[in-house]
């Protein structure tokens, strides 16, 4: 799944703007006086509701993204593929050892033990 350049550009611009606003607040070039919060409590409540809604929507999108990544079928990892190859090699070695143990006229081999899956 490849994201388009326009989406990456828009998210980058948004992040840069938010970092710029934060820097302006830290340097006190852009601050809101505390009296405005106390003077108009309705604006304060609306800001809290807006922040809560945005946080919930963001959490939902992050949850969807993480669950999609976890539940998407991606096949075996390289480690699991190597373990499967080693299992096959070990089975071949066991068969060769049994063949050598039987020899040309020895007793028939005992039945192989069942392997756990």
PDB file of N, CA and C in Angstrom:
ATOM      1  N   UNK A   1       0.849  -1.161   0.000  1.00  0.00           N
ATOM      2  CA  UNK A   1       0.000   0.000   0.000  1.00  0.00           C
ATOM      3  C   UNK A   1       0.899   1.229   0.000  1.00  0.00           C
ATOM      4  N   UNK A   2       0.902   1.962  -1.100  1.00  0.00           N
ATOM      5  CA  UNK A   2       1.784   3.100  -1.249  1.00  0.00           C
ATOM      6  C   UNK A   2       0.975   4.380  -1.122  1.00  0.00           C
ATOM      7  N   UNK A   3       1.418   5.265  -0.259  1.00  0.00           N
ATOM      8  CA  UNK A   3       0.707   6.529  -0.087  1.00  0.00           C
ATOM      9  C   UNK A   3       1.148   7.505  -1.154  1.00  0.00           C
ATOM     10  N   UNK A   4       0.235   8.368  -1.524  1.00  0.00           N
ATOM     11  CA  UNK A   4       0.556   9.317  -2.577  1.00  0.00           C
ATOM     12  C   UNK A   4       1.413  10.453  -2.021  1.00  0.00           C
ATOM     13  N   UNK A   5       2.074  11.138  -2.905  1.00  0.00           N
ATOM     14  CA  UNK A   5       2.939  12.244  -2.498  1.00  0.00           C
ATOM     15  C   UNK A   5       2.124  13.402  -1.941  1.00  0.00           C
ATOM     16  N   UNK A   6       0.904  13.576  -2.443  1.00  0.00           N
ATOM     17  CA  UNK A   6       0.069  14.678  -1.967  1.00  0.00           C
ATOM     18  C   UNK A   6      -0.302  14.482  -0.497  1.00  0.00           C
ATOM     19  N   UNK A   7      -0.604  13.248  -0.108  1.00  0.00           N
ATOM     20  CA  UNK A   7      -0.948  12.966   1.283  1.00  0.00           C
ATOM     21  C   UNK A   7       0.259  13.206   2.174  1.00  0.00           C
ATOM     22  N   UNK A   8       1.418  12.724   1.765  1.00  0.00           N
ATOM     23  CA  UNK A   8       2.631  12.945   2.549  1.00  0.00           C
ATOM     24  C   UNK A   8       2.953  14.432   2.668  1.00  0.00           C
ATOM     25  N   UNK A   9       2.773  15.172   1.588  1.00  0.00           N
ATOM     26  CA  UNK A   9       3.041  16.603   1.613  1.00  0.00           C
ATOM     27  C   UNK A   9       2.079  17.332   2.546  1.00  0.00           C
ATOM     28  N   UNK A  10       0.796  16.982   2.498  1.00  0.00           N
ATOM     29  CA  UNK A  10      -0.185  17.664   3.355  1.00  0.00           C
ATOM     30  C   UNK A  10       0.073  17.362   4.834  1.00  0.00           C
ATOM     31  N   UNK A  11       0.406  16.106   5.163  1.00  0.00           N
ATOM     32  CA  UNK A  11       0.709  15.775   6.559  1.00  0.00           C
ATOM     33  C   UNK A  11       1.982  16.471   7.012  1.00  0.00           C
ATOM     34  N   UNK A  12       2.964  16.556   6.148  1.00  0.00           N
ATOM     35  CA  UNK A  12       4.209  17.242   6.505  1.00  0.00           C
ATOM     36  C   UNK A  12       3.962  18.719   6.781  1.00  0.00           C
ATOM     37  N   UNK A  13       3.155  19.364   5.949  1.00  0.00           N
ATOM     38  CA  UNK A  13       2.832  20.771   6.154  1.00  0.00           C
ATOM     39  C   UNK A  13       2.084  20.960   7.468  1.00  0.00           C
ATOM     40  N   UNK A  14       1.136  20.081   7.756  1.00  0.00           N
ATOM     41  CA  UNK A  14       0.382  20.180   9.005  1.00  0.00           C
ATOM     42  C   UNK A  14       1.300  20.037  10.220  1.00  0.00           C
ATOM     43  N   UNK A  15       2.205  19.085  10.181  1.00  0.00           N
ATOM     44  CA  UNK A  15       3.129  18.875  11.300  1.00  0.00           C
ATOM     45  C   UNK A  15       4.050  20.072  11.472  1.00  0.00           C
ATOM     46  N   UNK A  16       4.548  20.626  10.379  1.00  0.00           N
ATOM     47  CA  UNK A  16       5.420  21.800  10.468  1.00  0.00           C
ATOM     48  C   UNK A  16       4.657  22.981  11.055  1.00  0.00           C
ATOM     49  N   UNK A  17       3.412  23.178  10.651  1.00  0.00           N
ATOM     50  CA  UNK A  17       2.608  24.276  11.199  1.00  0.00           C
ATOM     51  C   UNK A  17       2.369  24.090  12.700  1.00  0.00           C
ATOM     52  N   UNK A  18       2.077  22.873  13.123  1.00  0.00           N
ATOM     53  CA  UNK A  18       1.857  22.635  14.544  1.00  0.00           C
ATOM     54  C   UNK A  18       3.129  22.848  15.362  1.00  0.00           C
ATOM     55  N   UNK A  19       4.270  22.437  14.846  1.00  0.00           N
ATOM     56  CA  UNK A  19       5.531  22.668  15.535  1.00  0.00           C
ATOM     57  C   UNK A  19       5.828  24.162  15.593  1.00  0.00           C
ATOM     58  N   UNK A  20       5.524  24.883  14.519  1.00  0.00           N
ATOM     59  CA  UNK A  20       5.728  26.328  14.504  1.00  0.00           C
ATOM     60  C   UNK A  20       4.855  27.027  15.544  1.00  0.00           C
ATOM     61  N   UNK A  21       3.597  26.632  15.649  1.00  0.00           N
ATOM     62  CA  UNK A  21       2.705  27.211  16.658  1.00  0.00           C
ATOM     63  C   UNK A  21       3.232  26.918  18.057  1.00  0.00           C
ATOM     64  N   UNK A  22       3.720  25.716  18.272  1.00  0.00           N
ATOM     65  CA  UNK A  22       4.261  25.367  19.591  1.00  0.00           C
ATOM     66  C   UNK A  22       5.493  26.205  19.912  1.00  0.00           C
ATOM     67  N   UNK A  23       6.361  26.396  18.956  1.00  0.00           N
ATOM     68  CA  UNK A  23       7.531  27.240  19.183  1.00  0.00           C
ATOM     69  C   UNK A  23       7.133  28.679  19.469  1.00  0.00           C
ATOM     70  N   UNK A  24       6.130  29.186  18.767  1.00  0.00           N
ATOM     71  CA  UNK A  24       5.651  30.541  19.029  1.00  0.00           C
ATOM     72  C   UNK A  24       5.065  30.657  20.433  1.00  0.00           C
ATOM     73  N   UNK A  25       4.398  29.626  20.899  1.00  0.00           N
ATOM     74  CA  UNK A  25       3.863  29.649  22.257  1.00  0.00           C
ATOM     75  C   UNK A  25       4.986  29.600  23.293  1.00  0.00           C
ATOM     76  N   UNK A  26       6.005  28.779  23.033  1.00  0.00           N
ATOM     77  CA  UNK A  26       7.111  28.683  23.982  1.00  0.00           C
ATOM     78  C   UNK A  26       7.914  29.973  24.077  1.00  0.00           C
ATOM     79  N   UNK A  27       8.035  30.705  22.986  1.00  0.00           N
ATOM     80  CA  UNK A  27       8.779  31.964  22.989  1.00  0.00           C
ATOM     81  C   UNK A  27       7.902  33.148  23.376  1.00  0.00           C
ATOM     82  N   UNK A  28       6.654  32.897  23.727  1.00  0.00           N
ATOM     83  CA  UNK A  28       5.685  33.911  24.156  1.00  0.00           C
ATOM     84  C   UNK A  28       5.358  34.934  23.070  1.00  0.00           C
ATOM     85  N   UNK A  29       5.562  34.577  21.825  1.00  0.00           N
ATOM     86  CA  UNK A  29       5.105  35.431  20.732  1.00  0.00           C
ATOM     87  C   UNK A  29       3.621  35.213  20.457  1.00  0.00           C
ATOM     88  N   UNK A  30       3.133  34.078  20.867  1.00  0.00           N
ATOM     89  CA  UNK A  30       1.721  33.754  20.672  1.00  0.00           C
ATOM     90  C   UNK A  30       1.217  33.106  21.952  1.00  0.00           C
ATOM     91  N   UNK A  31       0.526  33.859  22.756  1.00  0.00           N
ATOM     92  CA  UNK A  31      -0.044  33.311  23.983  1.00  0.00           C
ATOM     93  C   UNK A  31      -1.439  33.883  24.180  1.00  0.00           C
ATOM     94  N   UNK A  32      -2.261  33.127  24.838  1.00  0.00           N
ATOM     95  CA  UNK A  32      -3.590  33.592  25.201  1.00  0.00           C
ATOM     96  C   UNK A  32      -3.584  33.936  26.679  1.00  0.00           C
ATOM     97  N   UNK A  33      -4.153  35.073  27.024  1.00  0.00           N
ATOM     98  CA  UNK A  33      -4.176  35.423  28.449  1.00  0.00           C
ATOM     99  C   UNK A  33      -5.122  34.515  29.228  1.00  0.00           C
ATOM    100  N   UNK A  34      -4.783  34.255  30.480  1.00  0.00           N
ATOM    101  CA  UNK A  34      -5.591  33.399  31.337  1.00  0.00           C
ATOM    102  C   UNK A  34      -6.953  34.033  31.583  1.00  0.00           C
ATOM    103  N   UNK A  35      -7.020  35.350  31.546  1.00  0.00           N
ATOM    104  CA  UNK A  35      -8.283  36.039  31.797  1.00  0.00           C
ATOM    105  C   UNK A  35      -9.342  35.692  30.751  1.00  0.00           C
ATOM    106  N   UNK A  36      -8.919  35.366  29.538  1.00  0.00           N
ATOM    107  CA  UNK A  36      -9.898  35.021  28.508  1.00  0.00           C
ATOM    108  C   UNK A  36     -10.601  33.708  28.841  1.00  0.00           C
ATOM    109  N   UNK A  37      -9.883  32.761  29.491  1.00  0.00           N
ATOM    110  CA  UNK A  37     -10.496  31.499  29.893  1.00  0.00           C
ATOM    111  C   UNK A  37     -11.488  31.739  31.018  1.00  0.00           C
ATOM    112  N   UNK A  38     -11.096  32.547  31.964  1.00  0.00           N
ATOM    113  CA  UNK A  38     -11.978  32.824  33.095  1.00  0.00           C
ATOM    114  C   UNK A  38     -13.146  33.716  32.690  1.00  0.00           C
ATOM    115  N   UNK A  39     -12.935  34.574  31.705  1.00  0.00           N
ATOM    116  CA  UNK A  39     -13.988  35.491  31.291  1.00  0.00           C
ATOM    117  C   UNK A  39     -15.074  34.836  30.483  1.00  0.00           C
ATOM    118  N   UNK A  40     -14.739  33.823  29.743  1.00  0.00           N
ATOM    119  CA  UNK A  40     -15.744  33.165  28.896  1.00  0.00           C
ATOM    120  C   UNK A  40     -15.623  31.646  29.067  1.00  0.00           C
ATOM    121  N   UNK A  41     -16.318  31.074  30.053  1.00  0.00           N
ATOM    122  CA  UNK A  41     -16.195  29.631  30.292  1.00  0.00           C
ATOM    123  C   UNK A  41     -16.778  28.780  29.168  1.00  0.00           C
ATOM    124  N   UNK A  42     -17.691  29.329  28.373  1.00  0.00           N
ATOM    125  CA  UNK A  42     -18.265  28.564  27.266  1.00  0.00           C
ATOM    126  C   UNK A  42     -17.182  28.209  26.234  1.00  0.00           C
ATOM    127  N   UNK A  43     -16.286  29.151  25.953  1.00  0.00           N
ATOM    128  CA  UNK A  43     -15.202  28.895  25.005  1.00  0.00           C
ATOM    129  C   UNK A  43     -14.280  27.811  25.564  1.00  0.00           C
ATOM    130  N   UNK A  44     -14.032  27.847  26.866  1.00  0.00           N
ATOM    131  CA  UNK A  44     -13.189  26.843  27.500  1.00  0.00           C
ATOM    132  C   UNK A  44     -13.802  25.451  27.383  1.00  0.00           C
ATOM    133  N   UNK A  45     -15.099  25.340  27.636  1.00  0.00           N
ATOM    134  CA  UNK A  45     -15.793  24.046  27.533  1.00  0.00           C
ATOM    135  C   UNK A  45     -15.791  23.568  26.090  1.00  0.00           C
ATOM    136  N   UNK A  46     -16.049  24.465  25.143  1.00  0.00           N
ATOM    137  CA  UNK A  46     -16.030  24.068  23.730  1.00  0.00           C
ATOM    138  C   UNK A  46     -14.627  23.607  23.300  1.00  0.00           C
ATOM    139  N   UNK A  47     -13.596  24.263  23.811  1.00  0.00           N
ATOM    140  CA  UNK A  47     -12.228  23.841  23.485  1.00  0.00           C
ATOM    141  C   UNK A  47     -11.937  22.455  24.051  1.00  0.00           C
ATOM    142  N   UNK A  48     -12.414  22.192  25.279  1.00  0.00           N
ATOM    143  CA  UNK A  48     -12.220  20.857  25.850  1.00  0.00           C
ATOM    144  C   UNK A  48     -12.961  19.790  25.057  1.00  0.00           C
ATOM    145  N   UNK A  49     -14.193  20.087  24.651  1.00  0.00           N
ATOM    146  CA  UNK A  49     -14.969  19.126  23.862  1.00  0.00           C
ATOM    147  C   UNK A  49     -14.294  18.884  22.515  1.00  0.00           C
ATOM    148  N   UNK A  50     -13.844  19.958  21.868  1.00  0.00           N
ATOM    149  CA  UNK A  50     -13.171  19.818  20.578  1.00  0.00           C
ATOM    150  C   UNK A  50     -11.906  18.971  20.711  1.00  0.00           C
ATOM    151  N   UNK A  51     -11.111  19.244  21.737  1.00  0.00           N
ATOM    152  CA  UNK A  51      -9.880  18.479  21.951  1.00  0.00           C
ATOM    153  C   UNK A  51     -10.190  17.008  22.225  1.00  0.00           C
ATOM    154  N   UNK A  52     -11.235  16.743  22.979  1.00  0.00           N
ATOM    155  CA  UNK A  52     -11.618  15.363  23.276  1.00  0.00           C
ATOM    156  C   UNK A  52     -12.065  14.629  22.018  1.00  0.00           C
ATOM    157  N   UNK A  53     -12.854  15.288  21.199  1.00  0.00           N
ATOM    158  CA  UNK A  53     -13.334  14.663  19.954  1.00  0.00           C
ATOM    159  C   UNK A  53     -12.167  14.368  19.021  1.00  0.00           C
ATOM    160  N   UNK A  54     -11.261  15.328  18.878  1.00  0.00           N
ATOM    161  CA  UNK A  54     -10.102  15.115  18.001  1.00  0.00           C
ATOM    162  C   UNK A  54      -9.233  13.978  18.535  1.00  0.00           C
ATOM    163  N   UNK A  55      -9.054  13.909  19.850  1.00  0.00           N
ATOM    164  CA  UNK A  55      -8.252  12.830  20.437  1.00  0.00           C
ATOM    165  C   UNK A  55      -8.908  11.470  20.216  1.00  0.00           C
ATOM    166  N   UNK A  56     -10.232  11.410  20.356  1.00  0.00           N
ATOM    167  CA  UNK A  56     -10.927  10.137  20.121  1.00  0.00           C
ATOM    168  C   UNK A  56     -10.833   9.696  18.666  1.00  0.00           C
ATOM    169  N   UNK A  57     -11.009  10.630  17.745  1.00  0.00           N
ATOM    170  CA  UNK A  57     -10.902  10.276  16.321  1.00  0.00           C
ATOM    171  C   UNK A  57      -9.488   9.805  16.005  1.00  0.00           C
ATOM    172  N   UNK A  58      -8.478  10.490  16.544  1.00  0.00           N
ATOM    173  CA  UNK A  58      -7.096  10.065  16.324  1.00  0.00           C
ATOM    174  C   UNK A  58      -6.827   8.692  16.901  1.00  0.00           C
ATOM    175  N   UNK A  59      -7.348   8.429  18.099  1.00  0.00           N
ATOM    176  CA  UNK A  59      -7.148   7.114  18.713  1.00  0.00           C
ATOM    177  C   UNK A  59      -7.826   6.016  17.900  1.00  0.00           C
ATOM    178  N   UNK A  60      -8.987   6.305  17.360  1.00  0.00           N
ATOM    179  CA  UNK A  60      -9.687   5.314  16.528  1.00  0.00           C
ATOM    180  C   UNK A  60      -8.870   5.011  15.279  1.00  0.00           C
ATOM    181  N   UNK A  61      -8.364   6.058  14.616  1.00  0.00           N
ATOM    182  CA  UNK A  61      -7.568   5.824  13.413  1.00  0.00           C
ATOM    183  C   UNK A  61      -6.279   5.072  13.714  1.00  0.00           C
ATOM    184  N   UNK A  62      -5.641   5.385  14.822  1.00  0.00           N
ATOM    185  CA  UNK A  62      -4.420   4.660  15.202  1.00  0.00           C
ATOM    186  C   UNK A  62      -4.754   3.198  15.511  1.00  0.00           C
ATOM    187  N   UNK A  63      -5.872   2.968  16.183  1.00  0.00           N
ATOM    188  CA  UNK A  63      -6.286   1.590  16.464  1.00  0.00           C
ATOM    189  C   UNK A  63      -6.593   0.812  15.202  1.00  0.00           C
ATOM    190  N   UNK A  64      -7.251   1.454  14.252  1.00  0.00           N
ATOM    191  CA  UNK A  64      -7.546   0.792  12.978  1.00  0.00           C
ATOM    192  C   UNK A  64      -6.246   0.453  12.256  1.00  0.00           C
ATOM    193  N   UNK A  65      -5.306   1.377  12.246  1.00  0.00           N
ATOM    194  CA  UNK A  65      -4.037   1.144  11.563  1.00  0.00           C
ATOM    195  C   UNK A  65      -3.268  -0.014  12.199  1.00  0.00           C
ATOM    196  N   UNK A  66      -3.181  -0.006  13.520  1.00  0.00           N
ATOM    197  CA  UNK A  66      -2.431  -1.058  14.212  1.00  0.00           C
ATOM    198  C   UNK A  66      -3.100  -2.416  14.021  1.00  0.00           C
ATOM    199  N   UNK A  67      -4.421  -2.471  14.138  1.00  0.00           N
ATOM    200  CA  UNK A  67      -5.102  -3.759  13.964  1.00  0.00           C
ATOM    201  C   UNK A  67      -4.989  -4.254  12.531  1.00  0.00           C
ATOM    202  N   UNK A  68      -5.001  -3.353  11.564  1.00  0.00           N
ATOM    203  CA  UNK A  68      -4.838  -3.775  10.168  1.00  0.00           C
ATOM    204  C   UNK A  68      -3.439  -4.335   9.942  1.00  0.00           C
ATOM    205  N   UNK A  69      -2.438  -3.724  10.563  1.00  0.00           N
ATOM    206  CA  UNK A  69      -1.068  -4.225  10.416  1.00  0.00           C
ATOM    207  C   UNK A  69      -0.898  -5.590  11.088  1.00  0.00           C
ATOM    208  N   UNK A  70      -1.542  -5.769  12.241  1.00  0.00           N
ATOM    209  CA  UNK A  70      -1.400  -7.030  12.966  1.00  0.00           C
ATOM    210  C   UNK A  70      -2.144  -8.152  12.256  1.00  0.00           C
ATOM    211  N   UNK A  71      -3.326  -7.872  11.762  1.00  0.00           N
ATOM    212  CA  UNK A  71      -4.172  -8.917  11.197  1.00  0.00           C
ATOM    213  C   UNK A  71      -3.928  -9.180   9.712  1.00  0.00           C
ATOM    214  N   UNK A  72      -3.100  -8.387   9.056  1.00  0.00           N
ATOM    215  CA  UNK A  72      -2.861  -8.613   7.628  1.00  0.00           C
ATOM    216  C   UNK A  72      -1.962  -9.829   7.448  1.00  0.00           C
ATOM    217  N   UNK A  73      -2.328 -10.692   6.506  1.00  0.00           N
ATOM    218  CA  UNK A  73      -1.481 -11.869   6.283  1.00  0.00           C
ATOM    219  C   UNK A  73      -0.190 -11.452   5.581  1.00  0.00           C
ATOM    220  N   UNK A  74       0.922 -11.796   6.189  1.00  0.00           N
ATOM    221  CA  UNK A  74       2.196 -11.390   5.596  1.00  0.00           C
ATOM    222  C   UNK A  74       3.101 -12.586   5.305  1.00  0.00           C
ATOM    223  N   UNK A  75       2.603 -13.778   5.494  1.00  0.00           N
ATOM    224  CA  UNK A  75       3.425 -14.958   5.244  1.00  0.00           C
ATOM    225  C   UNK A  75       4.367 -15.223   6.403  1.00  0.00           C
ATOM    226  N   UNK A  76       5.339 -16.089   6.160  1.00  0.00           N
ATOM    227  CA  UNK A  76       6.293 -16.436   7.194  1.00  0.00           C
ATOM    228  C   UNK A  76       7.409 -15.395   7.268  1.00  0.00           C
ATOM    229  N   UNK A  77       7.940 -15.226   8.442  1.00  0.00           N
ATOM    230  CA  UNK A  77       9.111 -14.369   8.604  1.00  0.00           C
ATOM    231  C   UNK A  77      10.339 -15.143   8.130  1.00  0.00           C
ATOM    232  N   UNK A  78      11.439 -14.458   7.854  1.00  0.00           N
ATOM    233  CA  UNK A  78      12.651 -15.174   7.431  1.00  0.00           C
ATOM    234  C   UNK A  78      13.114 -16.206   8.468  1.00  0.00           C
ATOM    235  N   UNK A  79      12.942 -15.892   9.746  1.00  0.00           N
ATOM    236  CA  UNK A  79      13.321 -16.860  10.782  1.00  0.00           C
ATOM    237  C   UNK A  79      12.464 -18.115  10.686  1.00  0.00           C
ATOM    238  N   UNK A  80      11.159 -17.953  10.506  1.00  0.00           N
ATOM    239  CA  UNK A  80      10.277 -19.119  10.394  1.00  0.00           C
ATOM    240  C   UNK A  80      10.581 -19.933   9.142  1.00  0.00           C
ATOM    241  N   UNK A  81      10.906 -19.258   8.044  1.00  0.00           N
ATOM    242  CA  UNK A  81      11.271 -19.989   6.829  1.00  0.00           C
ATOM    243  C   UNK A  81      12.534 -20.817   7.053  1.00  0.00           C
ATOM    244  N   UNK A  82      13.506 -20.245   7.749  1.00  0.00           N
ATOM    245  CA  UNK A  82      14.743 -20.989   8.031  1.00  0.00           C
ATOM    246  C   UNK A  82      14.466 -22.183   8.932  1.00  0.00           C
ATOM    247  N   UNK A  83      13.592 -22.034   9.908  1.00  0.00           N
ATOM    248  CA  UNK A  83      13.248 -23.154  10.790  1.00  0.00           C
ATOM    249  C   UNK A  83      12.563 -24.268  10.003  1.00  0.00           C
ATOM    250  N   UNK A  84      11.703 -23.922   9.061  1.00  0.00           N
ATOM    251  CA  UNK A  84      11.048 -24.947   8.236  1.00  0.00           C
ATOM    252  C   UNK A  84      12.063 -25.674   7.360  1.00  0.00           C
ATOM    253  N   UNK A  85      13.045 -24.929   6.815  1.00  0.00           N
ATOM    254  CA  UNK A  85      14.096 -25.578   6.012  1.00  0.00           C
ATOM    255  C   UNK A  85      14.935 -26.506   6.882  1.00  0.00           C
ATOM    256  N   UNK A  86      15.249 -26.075   8.091  1.00  0.00           N
ATOM    257  CA  UNK A  86      16.035 -26.927   8.991  1.00  0.00           C
ATOM    258  C   UNK A  86      15.264 -28.179   9.362  1.00  0.00           C
ATOM    259  N   UNK A  87      13.951 -28.073   9.530  1.00  0.00           N
ATOM    260  CA  UNK A  87      13.135 -29.239   9.854  1.00  0.00           C
ATOM    261  C   UNK A  87      13.185 -30.255   8.707  1.00  0.00           C
ATOM    262  N   UNK A  88      13.097 -29.757   7.478  1.00  0.00           N
ATOM    263  CA  UNK A  88      13.168 -30.634   6.318  1.00  0.00           C
ATOM    264  C   UNK A  88      14.543 -31.300   6.229  1.00  0.00           C
ATOM    265  N   UNK A  89      15.596 -30.523   6.464  1.00  0.00           N
ATOM    266  CA  UNK A  89      16.949 -31.089   6.436  1.00  0.00           C
ATOM    267  C   UNK A  89      17.119 -32.155   7.521  1.00  0.00           C
ATOM    268  N   UNK A  90      16.591 -31.905   8.689  1.00  0.00           N
ATOM    269  CA  UNK A  90      16.699 -32.875   9.776  1.00  0.00           C
ATOM    270  C   UNK A  90      15.953 -34.165   9.436  1.00  0.00           C
ATOM    271  N   UNK A  91      14.803 -34.049   8.817  1.00  0.00           N
ATOM    272  CA  UNK A  91      14.047 -35.238   8.401  1.00  0.00           C
ATOM    273  C   UNK A  91      14.845 -36.044   7.384  1.00  0.00           C
ATOM    274  N   UNK A  92      15.524 -35.337   6.450  1.00  0.00           N
ATOM    275  CA  UNK A  92      16.349 -36.030   5.455  1.00  0.00           C
ATOM    276  C   UNK A  92      17.530 -36.743   6.117  1.00  0.00           C
ATOM    277  N   UNK A  93      18.141 -36.093   7.101  1.00  0.00           N
ATOM    278  CA  UNK A  93      19.280 -36.712   7.796  1.00  0.00           C
ATOM    279  C   UNK A  93      18.818 -37.941   8.567  1.00  0.00           C
ATOM    280  N   UNK A  94      17.662 -37.862   9.221  1.00  0.00           N
ATOM    281  CA  UNK A  94      17.137 -39.022   9.948  1.00  0.00           C
ATOM    282  C   UNK A  94      16.875 -40.189   8.994  1.00  0.00           C
ATOM    283  N   UNK A  95      16.333 -39.905   7.829  1.00  0.00           N
ATOM    284  CA  UNK A  95      16.067 -40.970   6.859  1.00  0.00           C
ATOM    285  C   UNK A  95      17.374 -41.599   6.382  1.00  0.00           C
ATOM    286  N   UNK A  96      18.404 -40.757   6.167  1.00  0.00           N
ATOM    287  CA  UNK A  96      19.693 -41.292   5.713  1.00  0.00           C
ATOM    288  C   UNK A  96      20.332 -42.147   6.804  1.00  0.00           C
ATOM    289  N   UNK A  97      20.237 -41.740   8.053  1.00  0.00           N
ATOM    290  CA  UNK A  97      20.803 -42.513   9.152  1.00  0.00           C
ATOM    291  C   UNK A  97      20.071 -43.845   9.288  1.00  0.00           C
ATOM    292  N   UNK A  98      18.779 -43.853   9.170  1.00  0.00           N
ATOM    293  CA  UNK A  98      18.013 -45.107   9.228  1.00  0.00           C
ATOM    294  C   UNK A  98      18.408 -46.036   8.086  1.00  0.00           C
ATOM    295  N   UNK A  99      18.620 -45.473   6.923  1.00  0.00           N
ATOM    296  CA  UNK A  99      19.034 -46.280   5.769  1.00  0.00           C
ATOM    297  C   UNK A  99      20.404 -46.897   6.021  1.00  0.00           C
ATOM    298  N   UNK A 100      21.318 -46.124   6.606  1.00  0.00           N
ATOM    299  CA  UNK A 100      22.651 -46.642   6.901  1.00  0.00           C
ATOM    300  C   UNK A 100      22.591 -47.685   8.015  1.00  0.00           C
ATOM    301  N   UNK A 101      21.713 -47.487   8.976  1.00  0.00           N
ATOM    302  CA  UNK A 101      21.593 -48.417  10.097  1.00  0.00           C
ATOM    303  C   UNK A 101      21.068 -49.766   9.622  1.00  0.00           C
ATOM    304  N   UNK A 102      20.148 -49.746   8.682  1.00  0.00           N
ATOM    305  CA  UNK A 102      19.601 -51.010   8.174  1.00  0.00           C
ATOM    306  C   UNK A 102      20.677 -51.834   7.482  1.00  0.00           C
ATOM    307  N   UNK A 103      21.471 -51.194   6.695  1.00  0.00           N
ATOM    308  CA  UNK A 103      22.543 -51.900   5.997  1.00  0.00           C
ATOM    309  C   UNK A 103      21.972 -52.909   5.012  1.00  0.00           C
ATOM    310  N   UNK A 104      22.855 -53.681   4.398  1.00  0.00           N
ATOM    311  CA  UNK A 104      22.375 -54.631   3.374  1.00  0.00           C
ATOM    312  C   UNK A 104      21.956 -55.945   3.989  1.00  0.00           C
ATOM    313  N   UNK A 105      21.088 -56.168   4.714  1.00  0.00           N
ATOM    314  CA  UNK A 105      20.690 -57.471   5.250  1.00  0.00           C
ATOM    315  C   UNK A 105      20.378 -57.386   6.726  1.00  0.00           C
ATOM    316  N   UNK A 106      20.310 -56.189   7.261  1.00  0.00           N
ATOM    317  CA  UNK A 106      20.002 -56.049   8.666  1.00  0.00           C
ATOM    318  C   UNK A 106      18.497 -56.140   8.883  1.00  0.00           C
ATOM    319  N   UNK A 107      18.082 -56.110  10.114  1.00  0.00           N
ATOM    320  CA  UNK A 107      16.645 -56.171  10.398  1.00  0.00           C
ATOM    321  C   UNK A 107      15.946 -54.911   9.903  1.00  0.00           C
ATOM    322  N   UNK A 108      14.664 -55.022   9.617  1.00  0.00           N
ATOM    323  CA  UNK A 108      13.931 -53.836   9.147  1.00  0.00           C
ATOM    324  C   UNK A 108      13.863 -52.794  10.277  1.00  0.00           C
ATOM    325  N   UNK A 109      13.847 -51.541   9.895  1.00  0.00           N
ATOM    326  CA  UNK A 109      13.849 -50.490  10.913  1.00  0.00           C
ATOM    327  C   UNK A 109      12.511 -50.419  11.642  1.00  0.00           C
ATOM    328  N   UNK A 110      12.580 -49.938  12.847  1.00  0.00           N
ATOM    329  CA  UNK A 110      11.341 -49.742  13.594  1.00  0.00           C
ATOM    330  C   UNK A 110      10.576 -48.563  12.988  1.00  0.00           C
ATOM    331  N   UNK A 111       9.243 -48.560  13.174  1.00  0.00           N
ATOM    332  CA  UNK A 111       8.479 -47.451  12.586  1.00  0.00           C
ATOM    333  C   UNK A 111       8.873 -46.134  13.231  1.00  0.00           C
ATOM    334  N   UNK A 112       8.942 -45.072  12.425  1.00  0.00           N
ATOM    335  CA  UNK A 112       9.380 -43.775  12.956  1.00  0.00           C
ATOM    336  C   UNK A 112       8.356 -43.221  13.938  1.00  0.00           C
ATOM    337  N   UNK A 113       8.845 -42.541  14.946  1.00  0.00           N
ATOM    338  CA  UNK A 113       7.942 -41.908  15.925  1.00  0.00           C
ATOM    339  C   UNK A 113       7.284 -40.703  15.284  1.00  0.00           C
ATOM    340  N   UNK A 114       6.054 -40.476  15.685  1.00  0.00           N
ATOM    341  CA  UNK A 114       5.325 -39.332  15.126  1.00  0.00           C
ATOM    342  C   UNK A 114       5.876 -38.055  15.733  1.00  0.00           C
ATOM    343  N   UNK A 115       6.022 -37.040  14.866  1.00  0.00           N
ATOM    344  CA  UNK A 115       6.532 -35.756  15.304  1.00  0.00           C
ATOM    345  C   UNK A 115       5.379 -34.880  15.744  1.00  0.00           C
ATOM    346  N   UNK A 116       5.645 -34.059  16.718  1.00  0.00           N
ATOM    347  CA  UNK A 116       4.618 -33.098  17.154  1.00  0.00           C
ATOM    348  C   UNK A 116       4.557 -31.968  16.145  1.00  0.00           C
ATOM    349  N   UNK A 117       3.375 -31.441  15.859  1.00  0.00           N
ATOM    350  CA  UNK A 117       3.271 -30.364  14.852  1.00  0.00           C
ATOM    351  C   UNK A 117       3.885 -29.093  15.323  1.00  0.00           C
TER     352      UNK A 117
END
